[in-house]
Amino acid sequence: MSRTYPKICERCGAGFDCGLSKCWCGEYPVNDTQYEKIIKQYHDCLCPTCLSTLTDRPLSSSSGDALHPS
């Protein structure tokens, strides 16, 4: 059973699911420079689309599923 928490993206306002300690974003490739830039500008979670845009990396099929809460 997967437990998720509904969140609103701070950047675009889209709804998505956070998996808390087992969230999709923990598997998302963000380097140290990108991470520092993101945390300086945003103070809460970003949706898969925005994280993909800010890191110039395509969405994987599993992270895209987080856009559509069950």
Foldseek 3Di string as FASTA:
>chain_A
DQDWDWDAAPPPRAIFTARVVPGPVVVPDDDPVLVVVVVVPDPDDHQQVVVCVSRVHDGDPVSVVRRPDD
